[in-house]
Amino acid sequence: SHASGIPKIYANIVGACTYEGENTVMMLQTARYLSKSYFRG
């Protein structure tokens, strides 16, 4: 139920998995940095 308050919390934060950078793409951005750093090390 919306009365629990939890659906509204979920609905507002779940969009952050895609806006300002879709999460898989964001992870791969970090992965590129880790890859370059590994070879530097």
Full PDB file with SEQRES, HELIX, SHEET, SSBOND, CRYST1, ORIGX, SCALE, CONECT and MASTER records, all heavy atoms in Angstrom:
SEQRES   1 A   41  SER HIS ALA SER GLY ILE PRO LYS ILE TYR ALA ASN ILE          
SEQRES   2 A   41  VAL GLY ALA CYS THR TYR GLU GLY GLU ASN THR VAL MET          
SEQRES   3 A   41  MET LEU GLN THR ALA ARG TYR LEU SER LYS SER TYR PHE          
SEQRES   4 A   41  ARG GLY                                                      
HELIX    1 AA1 HIS A    2  SER A    4  5                                   3    
HELIX    2 AA2 ILE A    6  VAL A   14  1                                   9    
HELIX    3 AA3 GLY A   15  CYS A   17  5                                   3    
HELIX    4 AA4 ASN A   23  ARG A   40  1                                  18    
CRYST1    1.000    1.000    1.000  90.00  90.00  90.00 P 1           1          
ORIGX1      1.000000  0.000000  0.000000        0.00000                         
ORIGX2      0.000000  1.000000  0.000000        0.00000                         
ORIGX3      0.000000  0.000000  1.000000        0.00000                         
SCALE1      1.000000  0.000000  0.000000        0.00000                         
SCALE2      0.000000  1.000000  0.000000        0.00000                         
SCALE3      0.000000  0.000000  1.000000        0.00000                         
ATOM      1  N   SER A   1       0.832  -1.200   0.000  1.00  0.00           N  
ATOM      2  CA  SER A   1       0.000   0.000   0.000  1.00  0.00           C  
ATOM      3  C   SER A   1       0.868   1.252   0.000  1.00  0.00           C  
ATOM      4  O   SER A   1       1.929   1.299   0.624  1.00  0.00           O  
ATOM      5  CB  SER A   1      -0.894   0.003   1.240  1.00  0.00           C  
ATOM      6  OG  SER A   1      -1.522   1.263   1.408  1.00  0.00           O  
ATOM      7  N   HIS A   2       0.386   2.282  -0.681  1.00  0.00           N  
ATOM      8  CA  HIS A   2       1.063   3.579  -0.603  1.00  0.00           C  
ATOM      9  C   HIS A   2       1.104   4.080   0.839  1.00  0.00           C  
ATOM     10  O   HIS A   2       1.984   4.886   1.186  1.00  0.00           O  
ATOM     11  CB  HIS A   2       0.353   4.609  -1.477  1.00  0.00           C  
ATOM     12  CG  HIS A   2       0.908   4.709  -2.862  1.00  0.00           C  
ATOM     13  ND1 HIS A   2       2.215   5.045  -3.118  1.00  0.00           N  
ATOM     14  CD2 HIS A   2       0.327   4.524  -4.079  1.00  0.00           C  
ATOM     15  CE1 HIS A   2       2.432   5.068  -4.422  1.00  0.00           C  
ATOM     16  NE2 HIS A   2       1.307   4.745  -5.040  1.00  0.00           N  
ATOM     17  N   ALA A   3       0.183   3.626   1.656  1.00  0.00           N  
ATOM     18  CA  ALA A   3       0.152   4.060   3.044  1.00  0.00           C  
ATOM     19  C   ALA A   3       1.417   3.651   3.797  1.00  0.00           C  
ATOM     20  O   ALA A   3       1.764   4.254   4.808  1.00  0.00           O  
ATOM     21  CB  ALA A   3      -1.078   3.483   3.758  1.00  0.00           C  
ATOM     22  N   SER A   4       2.113   2.633   3.306  1.00  0.00           N  
ATOM     23  CA  SER A   4       3.360   2.220   3.950  1.00  0.00           C  
ATOM     24  C   SER A   4       4.460   3.247   3.741  1.00  0.00           C  
ATOM     25  O   SER A   4       5.432   3.297   4.501  1.00  0.00           O  
ATOM     26  CB  SER A   4       3.821   0.871   3.404  1.00  0.00           C  
ATOM     27  OG  SER A   4       4.332   1.001   2.081  1.00  0.00           O  
ATOM     28  N   GLY A   5       4.345   4.042   2.684  1.00  0.00           N  
ATOM     29  CA  GLY A   5       5.375   5.017   2.356  1.00  0.00           C  
ATOM     30  C   GLY A   5       6.488   4.467   1.484  1.00  0.00           C  
ATOM     31  O   GLY A   5       7.226   5.222   0.853  1.00  0.00           O  
ATOM     32  N   ILE A   6       6.623   3.143   1.428  1.00  0.00           N  
ATOM     33  CA  ILE A   6       7.758   2.548   0.714  1.00  0.00           C  
ATOM     34  C   ILE A   6       7.613   2.636  -0.810  1.00  0.00           C  
ATOM     35  O   ILE A   6       8.602   2.921  -1.502  1.00  0.00           O  
ATOM     36  CB  ILE A   6       7.990   1.100   1.183  1.00  0.00           C  
ATOM     37  CG1 ILE A   6       8.382   1.105   2.666  1.00  0.00           C  
ATOM     38  CG2 ILE A   6       9.076   0.432   0.362  1.00  0.00           C  
ATOM     39  CD1 ILE A   6       8.621  -0.275   3.256  1.00  0.00           C  
ATOM     40  N   PRO A   7       6.432   2.406  -1.397  1.00  0.00           N  
ATOM     41  CA  PRO A   7       6.334   2.541  -2.860  1.00  0.00           C  
ATOM     42  C   PRO A   7       6.783   3.895  -3.379  1.00  0.00           C  
ATOM     43  O   PRO A   7       7.430   3.988  -4.422  1.00  0.00           O  
ATOM     44  CB  PRO A   7       4.844   2.289  -3.138  1.00  0.00           C  
ATOM     45  CG  PRO A   7       4.412   1.383  -2.023  1.00  0.00           C  
ATOM     46  CD  PRO A   7       5.156   1.884  -0.822  1.00  0.00           C  
ATOM     47  N   LYS A   8       6.459   4.963  -2.642  1.00  0.00           N  
ATOM     48  CA  LYS A   8       6.863   6.301  -3.090  1.00  0.00           C  
ATOM     49  C   LYS A   8       8.380   6.464  -3.017  1.00  0.00           C  
ATOM     50  O   LYS A   8       8.995   7.091  -3.889  1.00  0.00           O  
ATOM     51  CB  LYS A   8       6.163   7.362  -2.237  1.00  0.00           C  
ATOM     52  CG  LYS A   8       4.686   7.517  -2.549  1.00  0.00           C  
ATOM     53  CD  LYS A   8       3.984   8.441  -1.587  1.00  0.00           C  
ATOM     54  CE  LYS A   8       3.658   7.765  -0.272  1.00  0.00           C  
ATOM     55  NZ  LYS A   8       2.735   8.529   0.577  1.00  0.00           N  
ATOM     56  N   ILE A   9       8.981   5.910  -1.971  1.00  0.00           N  
ATOM     57  CA  ILE A   9      10.437   5.981  -1.853  1.00  0.00           C  
ATOM     58  C   ILE A   9      11.086   5.251  -3.019  1.00  0.00           C  
ATOM     59  O   ILE A   9      12.021   5.762  -3.654  1.00  0.00           O  
ATOM     60  CB  ILE A   9      10.900   5.366  -0.510  1.00  0.00           C  
ATOM     61  CG1 ILE A   9      10.374   6.191   0.668  1.00  0.00           C  
ATOM     62  CG2 ILE A   9      12.419   5.270  -0.452  1.00  0.00           C  
ATOM     63  CD1 ILE A   9      10.618   5.550   2.023  1.00  0.00           C  
ATOM     64  N   TYR A  10      10.582   4.058  -3.310  1.00  0.00           N  
ATOM     65  CA  TYR A  10      11.145   3.250  -4.396  1.00  0.00           C  
ATOM     66  C   TYR A  10      10.974   3.949  -5.744  1.00  0.00           C  
ATOM     67  O   TYR A  10      11.918   4.046  -6.536  1.00  0.00           O  
ATOM     68  CB  TYR A  10      10.479   1.872  -4.429  1.00  0.00           C  
ATOM     69  CG  TYR A  10      11.014   0.985  -5.534  1.00  0.00           C  
ATOM     70  CD1 TYR A  10      12.171   0.243  -5.344  1.00  0.00           C  
ATOM     71  CD2 TYR A  10      10.371   0.898  -6.760  1.00  0.00           C  
ATOM     72  CE1 TYR A  10      12.676  -0.557  -6.354  1.00  0.00           C  
ATOM     73  CE2 TYR A  10      10.865   0.104  -7.781  1.00  0.00           C  
ATOM     74  CZ  TYR A  10      12.016  -0.634  -7.570  1.00  0.00           C  
ATOM     75  OH  TYR A  10      12.523  -1.419  -8.576  1.00  0.00           O  
ATOM     76  N   ALA A  11       9.759   4.453  -6.004  1.00  0.00           N  
ATOM     77  CA  ALA A  11       9.466   5.056  -7.305  1.00  0.00           C  
ATOM     78  C   ALA A  11      10.346   6.271  -7.574  1.00  0.00           C  
ATOM     79  O   ALA A  11      10.733   6.529  -8.718  1.00  0.00           O  
ATOM     80  CB  ALA A  11       7.993   5.452  -7.386  1.00  0.00           C  
ATOM     81  N   ASN A  12      10.691   7.005  -6.527  1.00  0.00           N  
ATOM     82  CA  ASN A  12      11.495   8.209  -6.718  1.00  0.00           C  
ATOM     83  C   ASN A  12      12.981   7.922  -6.883  1.00  0.00           C  
ATOM     84  O   ASN A  12      13.689   8.679  -7.541  1.00  0.00           O  
ATOM     85  CB  ASN A  12      11.285   9.181  -5.553  1.00  0.00           C  
ATOM     86  CG  ASN A  12       9.983   9.963  -5.680  1.00  0.00           C  
ATOM     87  OD1 ASN A  12       9.407  10.055  -6.750  1.00  0.00           O  
ATOM     88  ND2 ASN A  12       9.508  10.509  -4.580  1.00  0.00           N  
ATOM     89  N   ILE A  13      13.479   6.830  -6.291  1.00  0.00           N  
ATOM     90  CA  ILE A  13      14.918   6.563  -6.379  1.00  0.00           C  
ATOM     91  C   ILE A  13      15.250   5.623  -7.531  1.00  0.00           C  
ATOM     92  O   ILE A  13      16.365   5.652  -8.059  1.00  0.00           O  
ATOM     93  CB  ILE A  13      15.478   6.001  -5.043  1.00  0.00           C  
ATOM     94  CG1 ILE A  13      17.020   6.045  -5.026  1.00  0.00           C  
ATOM     95  CG2 ILE A  13      14.982   4.589  -4.799  1.00  0.00           C  
ATOM     96  CD1 ILE A  13      17.630   7.405  -5.153  1.00  0.00           C  
ATOM     97  N   VAL A  14      14.312   4.783  -7.963  1.00  0.00           N  
ATOM     98  CA  VAL A  14      14.646   3.798  -8.999  1.00  0.00           C  
ATOM     99  C   VAL A  14      15.027   4.477 -10.321  1.00  0.00           C  
ATOM    100  O   VAL A  14      15.827   3.937 -11.099  1.00  0.00           O  
ATOM    101  CB  VAL A  14      13.484   2.803  -9.202  1.00  0.00           C  
ATOM    102  CG1 VAL A  14      12.304   3.444  -9.925  1.00  0.00           C  
ATOM    103  CG2 VAL A  14      13.956   1.568  -9.961  1.00  0.00           C  
ATOM    104  N   GLY A  15      14.495   5.678 -10.556  1.00  0.00           N  
ATOM    105  CA  GLY A  15      14.877   6.395 -11.768  1.00  0.00           C  
ATOM    106  C   GLY A  15      16.360   6.717 -11.814  1.00  0.00           C  
ATOM    107  O   GLY A  15      16.942   6.868 -12.902  1.00  0.00           O  
ATOM    108  N   ALA A  16      16.982   6.809 -10.642  1.00  0.00           N  
ATOM    109  CA  ALA A  16      18.411   7.136 -10.580  1.00  0.00           C  
ATOM    110  C   ALA A  16      19.280   6.025 -11.156  1.00  0.00           C  
ATOM    111  O   ALA A  16      20.473   6.235 -11.391  1.00  0.00           O  
ATOM    112  CB  ALA A  16      18.821   7.430  -9.142  1.00  0.00           C  
ATOM    113  N   CYS A  17      18.707   4.839 -11.366  1.00  0.00           N  
ATOM    114  CA  CYS A  17      19.469   3.759 -12.005  1.00  0.00           C  
ATOM    115  C   CYS A  17      19.688   4.032 -13.487  1.00  0.00           C  
ATOM    116  O   CYS A  17      20.550   3.401 -14.113  1.00  0.00           O  
ATOM    117  CB  CYS A  17      18.749   2.414 -11.835  1.00  0.00           C  
ATOM    118  SG  CYS A  17      18.709   1.823 -10.131  1.00  0.00           S  
ATOM    119  N   THR A  18      18.916   4.955 -14.041  1.00  0.00           N  
ATOM    120  CA  THR A  18      19.061   5.268 -15.462  1.00  0.00           C  
ATOM    121  C   THR A  18      19.392   6.730 -15.716  1.00  0.00           C  
ATOM    122  O   THR A  18      20.171   7.031 -16.624  1.00  0.00           O  
ATOM    123  CB  THR A  18      17.789   4.888 -16.244  1.00  0.00           C  
ATOM    124  OG1 THR A  18      16.638   5.372 -15.541  1.00  0.00           O  
ATOM    125  CG2 THR A  18      17.682   3.391 -16.408  1.00  0.00           C  
ATOM    126  N   TYR A  19      18.799   7.679 -14.961  1.00  0.00           N  
ATOM    127  CA  TYR A  19      19.124   9.072 -15.264  1.00  0.00           C  
ATOM    128  C   TYR A  19      20.529   9.423 -14.761  1.00  0.00           C  
ATOM    129  O   TYR A  19      21.065   8.794 -13.868  1.00  0.00           O  
ATOM    130  CB  TYR A  19      18.074  10.053 -14.741  1.00  0.00           C  
ATOM    131  CG  TYR A  19      17.877  10.183 -13.251  1.00  0.00           C  
ATOM    132  CD1 TYR A  19      18.859  10.727 -12.425  1.00  0.00           C  
ATOM    133  CD2 TYR A  19      16.668   9.826 -12.659  1.00  0.00           C  
ATOM    134  CE1 TYR A  19      18.656  10.891 -11.070  1.00  0.00           C  
ATOM    135  CE2 TYR A  19      16.454   9.986 -11.302  1.00  0.00           C  
ATOM    136  CZ  TYR A  19      17.454  10.520 -10.518  1.00  0.00           C  
ATOM    137  OH  TYR A  19      17.250  10.678  -9.165  1.00  0.00           O  
ATOM    138  N   GLU A  20      21.101  10.426 -15.397  1.00  0.00           N  
ATOM    139  CA  GLU A  20      22.493  10.841 -15.160  1.00  0.00           C  
ATOM    140  C   GLU A  20      23.474   9.697 -15.394  1.00  0.00           C  
ATOM    141  O   GLU A  20      24.503   9.589 -14.736  1.00  0.00           O  
ATOM    142  CB  GLU A  20      22.662  11.417 -13.745  1.00  0.00           C  
ATOM    143  CG  GLU A  20      21.869  12.666 -13.496  1.00  0.00           C  
ATOM    144  CD  GLU A  20      22.104  13.738 -14.552  1.00  0.00           C  
ATOM    145  OE1 GLU A  20      23.257  13.894 -14.977  1.00  0.00           O  
ATOM    146  OE2 GLU A  20      21.135  14.403 -14.944  1.00  0.00           O  
ATOM    147  N   GLY A  21      23.145   8.848 -16.342  1.00  0.00           N  
ATOM    148  CA  GLY A  21      24.025   7.746 -16.721  1.00  0.00           C  
ATOM    149  C   GLY A  21      23.441   6.403 -16.350  1.00  0.00           C  
ATOM    150  O   GLY A  21      23.265   6.106 -15.169  1.00  0.00           O  
ATOM    151  N   GLU A  22      23.096   5.596 -17.364  1.00  0.00           N  
ATOM    152  CA  GLU A  22      22.559   4.249 -17.108  1.00  0.00           C  
ATOM    153  C   GLU A  22      23.620   3.424 -16.378  1.00  0.00           C  
ATOM    154  O   GLU A  22      24.803   3.495 -16.683  1.00  0.00           O  
ATOM    155  CB  GLU A  22      22.180   3.598 -18.442  1.00  0.00           C  
ATOM    156  CG  GLU A  22      21.364   2.329 -18.320  1.00  0.00           C  
ATOM    157  CD  GLU A  22      22.233   1.105 -18.075  1.00  0.00           C  
ATOM    158  OE1 GLU A  22      23.384   1.082 -18.544  1.00  0.00           O  
ATOM    159  OE2 GLU A  22      21.755   0.172 -17.407  1.00  0.00           O  
ATOM    160  N   ASN A  23      23.174   2.648 -15.378  1.00  0.00           N  
ATOM    161  CA  ASN A  23      24.118   2.064 -14.434  1.00  0.00           C  
ATOM    162  C   ASN A  23      25.146   1.113 -15.048  1.00  0.00           C  
ATOM    163  O   ASN A  23      26.306   1.107 -14.643  1.00  0.00           O  
ATOM    164  CB  ASN A  23      23.356   1.357 -13.312  1.00  0.00           C  
ATOM    165  CG  ASN A  23      22.904   2.317 -12.227  1.00  0.00           C  
ATOM    166  OD1 ASN A  23      23.177   3.514 -12.298  1.00  0.00           O  
ATOM    167  ND2 ASN A  23      22.230   1.809 -11.219  1.00  0.00           N  
ATOM    168  N   THR A  24      24.733   0.299 -16.004  1.00  0.00           N  
ATOM    169  CA  THR A  24      25.710  -0.606 -16.614  1.00  0.00           C  
ATOM    170  C   THR A  24      26.797   0.195 -17.323  1.00  0.00           C  
ATOM    171  O   THR A  24      27.991  -0.117 -17.223  1.00  0.00           O  
ATOM    172  CB  THR A  24      25.016  -1.562 -17.601  1.00  0.00           C  
ATOM    173  OG1 THR A  24      24.073  -2.368 -16.894  1.00  0.00           O  
ATOM    174  CG2 THR A  24      26.032  -2.475 -18.268  1.00  0.00           C  
ATOM    175  N   VAL A  25      26.386   1.240 -18.021  1.00  0.00           N  
ATOM    176  CA  VAL A  25      27.359   2.089 -18.704  1.00  0.00           C  
ATOM    177  C   VAL A  25      28.267   2.785 -17.692  1.00  0.00           C  
ATOM    178  O   VAL A  25      29.479   2.915 -17.900  1.00  0.00           O  
ATOM    179  CB  VAL A  25      26.645   3.125 -19.598  1.00  0.00           C  
ATOM    180  CG1 VAL A  25      27.657   4.055 -20.266  1.00  0.00           C  
ATOM    181  CG2 VAL A  25      25.801   2.421 -20.645  1.00  0.00           C  
ATOM    182  N   MET A  26      27.676   3.215 -16.570  1.00  0.00           N  
ATOM    183  CA  MET A  26      28.485   3.853 -15.529  1.00  0.00           C  
ATOM    184  C   MET A  26      29.520   2.879 -14.969  1.00  0.00           C  
ATOM    185  O   MET A  26      30.685   3.233 -14.746  1.00  0.00           O  
ATOM    186  CB  MET A  26      27.579   4.355 -14.397  1.00  0.00           C  
ATOM    187  CG  MET A  26      26.680   5.518 -14.779  1.00  0.00           C  
ATOM    188  SD  MET A  26      27.583   7.033 -15.208  1.00  0.00           S  
ATOM    189  CE  MET A  26      27.676   6.869 -16.997  1.00  0.00           C  
ATOM    190  N   MET A  27      29.094   1.639 -14.733  1.00  0.00           N  
ATOM    191  CA  MET A  27      30.020   0.623 -14.240  1.00  0.00           C  
ATOM    192  C   MET A  27      31.167   0.407 -15.234  1.00  0.00           C  
ATOM    193  O   MET A  27      32.330   0.244 -14.843  1.00  0.00           O  
ATOM    194  CB  MET A  27      29.284  -0.694 -13.996  1.00  0.00           C  
ATOM    195  CG  MET A  27      28.531  -0.757 -12.679  1.00  0.00           C  
ATOM    196  SD  MET A  27      29.680  -0.875 -11.303  1.00  0.00           S  
ATOM    197  CE  MET A  27      28.556  -1.086  -9.919  1.00  0.00           C  
ATOM    198  N   LEU A  28      30.854   0.411 -16.513  1.00  0.00           N  
ATOM    199  CA  LEU A  28      31.895   0.192 -17.524  1.00  0.00           C  
ATOM    200  C   LEU A  28      32.837   1.384 -17.628  1.00  0.00           C  
ATOM    201  O   LEU A  28      34.015   1.226 -17.981  1.00  0.00           O  
ATOM    202  CB  LEU A  28      31.257  -0.113 -18.880  1.00  0.00           C  
ATOM    203  CG  LEU A  28      30.573  -1.489 -18.964  1.00  0.00           C  
ATOM    204  CD1 LEU A  28      29.846  -1.648 -20.287  1.00  0.00           C  
ATOM    205  CD2 LEU A  28      31.595  -2.617 -18.778  1.00  0.00           C  
ATOM    206  N   GLN A  29      32.335   2.592 -17.317  1.00  0.00           N  
ATOM    207  CA  GLN A  29      33.229   3.745 -17.249  1.00  0.00           C  
ATOM    208  C   GLN A  29      34.278   3.535 -16.159  1.00  0.00           C  
ATOM    209  O   GLN A  29      35.479   3.785 -16.357  1.00  0.00           O  
ATOM    210  CB  GLN A  29      32.424   5.019 -16.959  1.00  0.00           C  
ATOM    211  CG  GLN A  29      31.521   5.465 -18.079  1.00  0.00           C  
ATOM    212  CD  GLN A  29      32.278   6.143 -19.209  1.00  0.00           C  
ATOM    213  OE1 GLN A  29      33.254   6.835 -18.980  1.00  0.00           O  
ATOM    214  NE2 GLN A  29      31.829   5.926 -20.428  1.00  0.00           N  
ATOM    215  N   THR A  30      33.815   3.064 -14.995  1.00  0.00           N  
ATOM    216  CA  THR A  30      34.747   2.785 -13.904  1.00  0.00           C  
ATOM    217  C   THR A  30      35.663   1.620 -14.274  1.00  0.00           C  
ATOM    218  O   THR A  30      36.857   1.619 -13.933  1.00  0.00           O  
ATOM    219  CB  THR A  30      33.970   2.474 -12.616  1.00  0.00           C  
ATOM    220  OG1 THR A  30      33.084   3.559 -12.321  1.00  0.00           O  
ATOM    221  CG2 THR A  30      34.906   2.270 -11.429  1.00  0.00           C  
ATOM    222  N   ALA A  31      35.106   0.629 -14.971  1.00  0.00           N  
ATOM    223  CA  ALA A  31      35.911  -0.528 -15.375  1.00  0.00           C  
ATOM    224  C   ALA A  31      37.065  -0.112 -16.283  1.00  0.00           C  
ATOM    225  O   ALA A  31      38.182  -0.643 -16.172  1.00  0.00           O  
ATOM    226  CB  ALA A  31      35.023  -1.557 -16.084  1.00  0.00           C  
ATOM    227  N   ARG A  32      36.824   0.824 -17.178  1.00  0.00           N  
ATOM    228  CA  ARG A  32      37.906   1.301 -18.059  1.00  0.00           C  
ATOM    229  C   ARG A  32      39.034   1.924 -17.235  1.00  0.00           C  
ATOM    230  O   ARG A  32      40.221   1.737 -17.520  1.00  0.00           O  
ATOM    231  CB  ARG A  32      37.363   2.308 -19.066  1.00  0.00           C  
ATOM    232  CG  ARG A  32      36.509   1.688 -20.164  1.00  0.00           C  
ATOM    233  CD  ARG A  32      36.112   2.728 -21.208  1.00  0.00           C  
ATOM    234  NE  ARG A  32      35.236   2.171 -22.225  1.00  0.00           N  
ATOM    235  CZ  ARG A  32      35.652   1.501 -23.298  1.00  0.00           C  
ATOM    236  NH1 ARG A  32      36.952   1.283 -23.476  1.00  0.00           N  
ATOM    237  NH2 ARG A  32      34.785   1.038 -24.179  1.00  0.00           N  
ATOM    238  N   TYR A  33      38.641   2.662 -16.212  1.00  0.00           N  
ATOM    239  CA  TYR A  33      39.648   3.271 -15.332  1.00  0.00           C  
ATOM    240  C   TYR A  33      40.434   2.192 -14.592  1.00  0.00           C  
ATOM    241  O   TYR A  33      41.666   2.278 -14.479  1.00  0.00           O  
ATOM    242  CB  TYR A  33      38.958   4.202 -14.341  1.00  0.00           C  
ATOM    243  CG  TYR A  33      39.880   4.799 -13.301  1.00  0.00           C  
ATOM    244  CD1 TYR A  33      40.787   5.804 -13.641  1.00  0.00           C  
ATOM    245  CD2 TYR A  33      39.845   4.359 -11.980  1.00  0.00           C  
ATOM    246  CE1 TYR A  33      41.633   6.354 -12.691  1.00  0.00           C  
ATOM    247  CE2 TYR A  33      40.685   4.894 -11.025  1.00  0.00           C  
ATOM    248  CZ  TYR A  33      41.579   5.894 -11.378  1.00  0.00           C  
ATOM    249  OH  TYR A  33      42.422   6.432 -10.432  1.00  0.00           O  
ATOM    250  N   LEU A  34      39.727   1.167 -14.098  1.00  0.00           N  
ATOM    251  CA  LEU A  34      40.405   0.079 -13.388  1.00  0.00           C  
ATOM    252  C   LEU A  34      41.340  -0.682 -14.325  1.00  0.00           C  
ATOM    253  O   LEU A  34      42.436  -1.084 -13.930  1.00  0.00           O  
ATOM    254  CB  LEU A  34      39.369  -0.872 -12.780  1.00  0.00           C  
ATOM    255  CG  LEU A  34      38.521  -0.306 -11.641  1.00  0.00           C  
ATOM    256  CD1 LEU A  34      37.450  -1.320 -11.223  1.00  0.00           C  
ATOM    257  CD2 LEU A  34      39.380   0.078 -10.450  1.00  0.00           C  
ATOM    258  N   SER A  35      40.892  -0.876 -15.575  1.00  0.00           N  
ATOM    259  CA  SER A  35      41.721  -1.579 -16.548  1.00  0.00           C  
ATOM    260  C   SER A  35      43.024  -0.814 -16.804  1.00  0.00           C  
ATOM    261  O   SER A  35      44.126  -1.382 -16.755  1.00  0.00           O  
ATOM    262  CB  SER A  35      40.950  -1.763 -17.861  1.00  0.00           C  
ATOM    263  OG  SER A  35      41.778  -2.299 -18.878  1.00  0.00           O  
ATOM    264  N   LYS A  36      42.896   0.475 -17.081  1.00  0.00           N  
ATOM    265  CA  LYS A  36      44.091   1.289 -17.323  1.00  0.00           C  
ATOM    266  C   LYS A  36      45.001   1.301 -16.095  1.00  0.00           C  
ATOM    267  O   LYS A  36      46.234   1.218 -16.218  1.00  0.00           O  
ATOM    268  CB  LYS A  36      43.679   2.716 -17.691  1.00  0.00           C  
ATOM    269  CG  LYS A  36      42.981   2.828 -19.032  1.00  0.00           C  
ATOM    270  CD  LYS A  36      42.504   4.251 -19.291  1.00  0.00           C  
ATOM    271  CE  LYS A  36      41.740   4.352 -20.607  1.00  0.00           C  
ATOM    272  NZ  LYS A  36      41.209   5.715 -20.840  1.00  0.00           N  
ATOM    273  N   SER A  37      44.392   1.398 -14.914  1.00  0.00           N  
ATOM    274  CA  SER A  37      45.188   1.448 -13.684  1.00  0.00           C  
ATOM    275  C   SER A  37      45.902   0.126 -13.426  1.00  0.00           C  
ATOM    276  O   SER A  37      47.055   0.109 -12.963  1.00  0.00           O  
ATOM    277  CB  SER A  37      44.277   1.793 -12.495  1.00  0.00           C  
ATOM    278  OG  SER A  37      43.672   3.054 -12.685  1.00  0.00           O  
ATOM    279  N   TYR A  38      45.225  -0.987 -13.729  1.00  0.00           N  
ATOM    280  CA  TYR A  38      45.848  -2.299 -13.531  1.00  0.00           C  
ATOM    281  C   TYR A  38      47.116  -2.420 -14.378  1.00  0.00           C  
ATOM    282  O   TYR A  38      48.179  -2.823 -13.886  1.00  0.00           O  
ATOM    283  CB  TYR A  38      44.859  -3.410 -13.903  1.00  0.00           C  
ATOM    284  CG  TYR A  38      45.487  -4.780 -13.945  1.00  0.00           C  
ATOM    285  CD1 TYR A  38      45.711  -5.498 -12.777  1.00  0.00           C  
ATOM    286  CD2 TYR A  38      45.890  -5.341 -15.163  1.00  0.00           C  
ATOM    287  CE1 TYR A  38      46.308  -6.763 -12.809  1.00  0.00           C  
ATOM    288  CE2 TYR A  38      46.484  -6.595 -15.215  1.00  0.00           C  
ATOM    289  CZ  TYR A  38      46.688  -7.302 -14.027  1.00  0.00           C  
ATOM    290  OH  TYR A  38      47.296  -8.539 -14.074  1.00  0.00           O  
ATOM    291  N   PHE A  39      46.999  -2.057 -15.644  1.00  0.00           N  
ATOM    292  CA  PHE A  39      48.164  -2.177 -16.528  1.00  0.00           C  
ATOM    293  C   PHE A  39      49.268  -1.189 -16.133  1.00  0.00           C  
ATOM    294  O   PHE A  39      50.449  -1.497 -16.261  1.00  0.00           O  
ATOM    295  CB  PHE A  39      47.751  -1.997 -17.987  1.00  0.00           C  
ATOM    296  CG  PHE A  39      46.961  -3.161 -18.524  1.00  0.00           C  
ATOM    297  CD1 PHE A  39      45.638  -3.005 -18.931  1.00  0.00           C  
ATOM    298  CD2 PHE A  39      47.539  -4.424 -18.600  1.00  0.00           C  
ATOM    299  CE1 PHE A  39      44.913  -4.085 -19.416  1.00  0.00           C  
ATOM    300  CE2 PHE A  39      46.810  -5.513 -19.086  1.00  0.00           C  
ATOM    301  CZ  PHE A  39      45.494  -5.349 -19.487  1.00  0.00           C  
ATOM    302  N   ARG A  40      48.869  -0.025 -15.605  1.00  0.00           N  
ATOM    303  CA  ARG A  40      49.876   0.903 -15.083  1.00  0.00           C  
ATOM    304  C   ARG A  40      50.605   0.286 -13.902  1.00  0.00           C  
ATOM    305  O   ARG A  40      51.839   0.384 -13.793  1.00  0.00           O  
ATOM    306  CB  ARG A  40      49.212   2.214 -14.651  1.00  0.00           C  
ATOM    307  CG  ARG A  40      48.831   3.146 -15.781  1.00  0.00           C  
ATOM    308  CD  ARG A  40      48.096   4.359 -15.244  1.00  0.00           C  
ATOM    309  NE  ARG A  40      48.850   5.009 -14.187  1.00  0.00           N  
ATOM    310  CZ  ARG A  40      48.314   5.805 -13.253  1.00  0.00           C  
ATOM    311  NH1 ARG A  40      47.004   6.012 -13.245  1.00  0.00           N  
ATOM    312  NH2 ARG A  40      49.078   6.376 -12.349  1.00  0.00           N  
ATOM    313  N   GLY A  41      49.842  -0.356 -13.019  1.00  0.00           N  
ATOM    314  CA  GLY A  41      50.444  -1.008 -11.861  1.00  0.00           C  
ATOM    315  C   GLY A  41      51.387  -2.126 -12.269  1.00  0.00           C  
ATOM    316  O   GLY A  41      52.440  -2.328 -11.643  1.00  0.00           O  
TER     317      GLY A  41                                                      
MASTER        0    0    0    4    0    0    0    6  316    1    0    4          
END                                                                             
